[in-house]
Amino acid sequence: MALPGTDLLSTSAYDVLISDVISGAHIGRGIIGGIECEHLAFRRNVTDWQIWIQRGDQPLPRKYVITSKAMAAAPQYTVVIRDWKIGIEPNANDFVFTPPEGAKQFDVRALASFDEVPLEAVKGGQK
């Protein structure tokens, strides 16, 4: 299952983001969370995306917006990154999940065809 925004976590984020780009533009500067950023926008066949990169010595992504052109109403997904932890080594305990009381484990494989568009919304019930 692909989740919006995971492109930014790739070890080759630039290569992943720039693949299949048809055009791109520097929109200008903007402020994200009080931080001055460069605003860039890119077009692909199926999606458009925008990214705001922090200016200065640490050019970190601060906001990422993906627009799906393949779906009606062109939904957008927005990721805003408020606090980068640069230079901190992750600890295995940082990723320990403690479920709340009463939570039940769910096998994601039970979702045979997980999609944003319900099957009954597709003409003929087929995708």
Protein backbone atom coordinates (compact mmCIF):
# COMPACT_ATOMS: atom_id res chain seq x y z
CA MET A 1 0.00 0.00 0.00
CA ALA A 2 1.51 3.35 -1.02
CA LEU A 3 1.03 6.17 1.47
CA PRO A 4 1.22 9.83 0.44
CA GLY A 5 4.45 11.50 1.52
CA THR A 6 6.60 8.40 1.85
CA ASP A 7 8.66 9.66 -1.10
CA LEU A 8 10.33 12.07 1.32
CA LEU A 9 11.58 9.18 3.46
CA SER A 10 13.35 7.37 0.64
CA THR A 11 17.15 7.20 0.76
CA SER A 12 17.02 8.42 -2.85
CA ALA A 13 14.21 10.97 -2.37
CA TYR A 14 15.34 13.22 -5.23
CA ASP A 15 15.36 10.37 -7.76
CA VAL A 16 11.93 9.17 -6.61
CA LEU A 17 10.39 12.64 -6.64
CA ILE A 18 11.80 13.76 -9.98
CA SER A 19 10.98 10.57 -11.91
CA ASP A 20 8.36 11.10 -14.63
CA VAL A 21 8.30 14.88 -14.09
CA ILE A 22 7.03 16.68 -17.19
CA SER A 23 7.68 20.23 -16.00
CA GLY A 24 8.68 22.17 -12.92
CA ALA A 25 8.78 25.75 -11.74
CA HIS A 26 10.11 27.90 -8.92
CA ILE A 27 6.98 29.61 -7.61
CA GLY A 28 8.69 31.93 -5.14
CA ARG A 29 9.24 32.14 -1.43
CA GLY A 30 6.81 31.34 1.34
CA ILE A 31 6.68 30.93 5.10
CA ILE A 32 5.92 27.48 6.53
CA GLY A 33 5.73 27.26 10.32
CA GLY A 34 7.60 30.56 10.66
CA ILE A 35 10.45 29.35 8.41
CA GLU A 36 11.26 30.98 5.08
CA CYS A 37 11.14 28.44 2.25
CA GLU A 38 11.52 28.15 -1.52
CA HIS A 39 8.27 26.95 -3.14
CA LEU A 40 8.68 24.56 -6.09
CA ALA A 41 5.92 22.95 -8.18
CA PHE A 42 6.12 19.96 -10.53
CA ARG A 43 3.76 18.23 -12.98
CA ARG A 44 3.47 14.55 -13.84
CA ASN A 45 0.90 12.75 -15.99
CA VAL A 46 -1.15 11.44 -13.04
CA THR A 47 -0.08 13.70 -10.16
CA ASP A 48 1.17 17.19 -9.53
CA TRP A 49 3.25 17.98 -6.47
CA GLN A 50 4.61 20.97 -4.65
CA ILE A 51 7.36 21.22 -2.09
CA TRP A 52 8.55 23.99 0.19
CA ILE A 53 12.28 23.74 1.03
CA GLN A 54 13.78 25.59 3.99
CA ARG A 55 16.27 28.29 2.93
CA GLY A 56 19.74 28.49 4.42
CA ASP A 57 22.38 25.98 5.51
CA GLN A 58 19.89 23.14 6.07
CA PRO A 59 17.63 22.90 2.98
CA LEU A 60 15.01 20.61 4.53
CA PRO A 61 11.52 19.94 3.17
CA ARG A 62 8.90 21.74 5.28
CA LYS A 63 5.72 21.10 3.31
CA TYR A 64 4.78 18.65 0.57
CA VAL A 65 1.47 18.67 -1.34
CA ILE A 66 0.43 15.94 -3.78
CA THR A 67 -2.55 16.45 -6.10
CA SER A 68 -4.07 13.39 -7.76
CA LYS A 69 -5.29 14.29 -11.25
CA ALA A 70 -6.60 10.78 -11.93
CA MET A 71 -9.49 11.07 -9.48
CA ALA A 72 -12.59 13.24 -9.60
CA ALA A 73 -12.23 16.52 -7.68
CA ALA A 74 -8.40 16.10 -7.70
CA PRO A 75 -7.88 15.34 -3.99
CA GLN A 76 -4.78 16.70 -2.30
CA TYR A 77 -2.58 15.22 0.39
CA THR A 78 -0.54 17.61 2.50
CA VAL A 79 2.43 16.77 4.71
CA VAL A 80 3.81 19.51 6.97
CA ILE A 81 7.07 18.74 8.75
CA ARG A 82 7.49 20.79 11.90
CA ASP A 83 10.45 19.26 13.69
CA TRP A 84 13.36 17.57 11.93
CA LYS A 85 15.66 15.59 14.23
CA ILE A 86 18.96 16.07 12.40
CA GLY A 87 22.02 14.16 13.58
CA ILE A 88 20.14 12.07 16.16
CA GLU A 89 20.66 8.34 15.90
CA PRO A 90 17.37 6.44 16.14
CA ASN A 91 16.94 4.13 19.09
CA ALA A 92 14.98 0.87 18.77
CA ASN A 93 12.81 2.01 21.70
CA ASP A 94 11.68 5.01 19.61
CA PHE A 95 9.64 2.59 17.49
CA VAL A 96 7.97 0.49 20.17
CA PHE A 97 4.19 0.53 19.84
CA THR A 98 2.12 0.14 22.97
CA PRO A 99 -1.51 -0.40 21.96
CA PRO A 100 -4.21 1.25 24.00
CA GLU A 101 -6.32 -0.96 26.24
CA GLY A 102 -9.01 -2.79 24.27
CA ALA A 103 -7.21 -2.46 20.92
CA LYS A 104 -7.39 -5.46 18.60
CA GLN A 105 -4.78 -6.55 16.07
CA PHE A 106 -5.88 -6.27 12.45
CA ASP A 107 -4.33 -8.17 9.56
CA VAL A 108 -3.97 -5.65 6.74
CA ARG A 109 -3.93 -8.53 4.24
CA ALA A 110 -7.66 -8.86 4.95
CA LEU A 111 -8.12 -5.76 2.80
CA ALA A 112 -8.17 -7.51 -0.56
CA SER A 113 -8.30 -4.32 -2.61
CA PHE A 114 -7.79 -1.27 -0.45
CA ASP A 115 -8.42 1.86 -2.48
CA GLU A 116 -9.71 5.39 -1.98
CA VAL A 117 -12.55 4.82 -4.42
CA PRO A 118 -15.28 2.47 -3.15
CA LEU A 119 -16.03 -0.33 -5.61
CA GLU A 120 -19.68 0.67 -5.86
CA ALA A 121 -18.60 4.17 -7.03
CA VAL A 122 -16.89 2.73 -10.09
CA LYS A 123 -19.07 2.15 -13.16
CA GLY A 124 -19.83 -1.56 -13.43
CA GLY A 125 -18.23 -2.32 -10.06
CA GLN A 126 -14.83 -2.95 -11.63
CA LYS A 127 -11.62 -0.96 -11.49
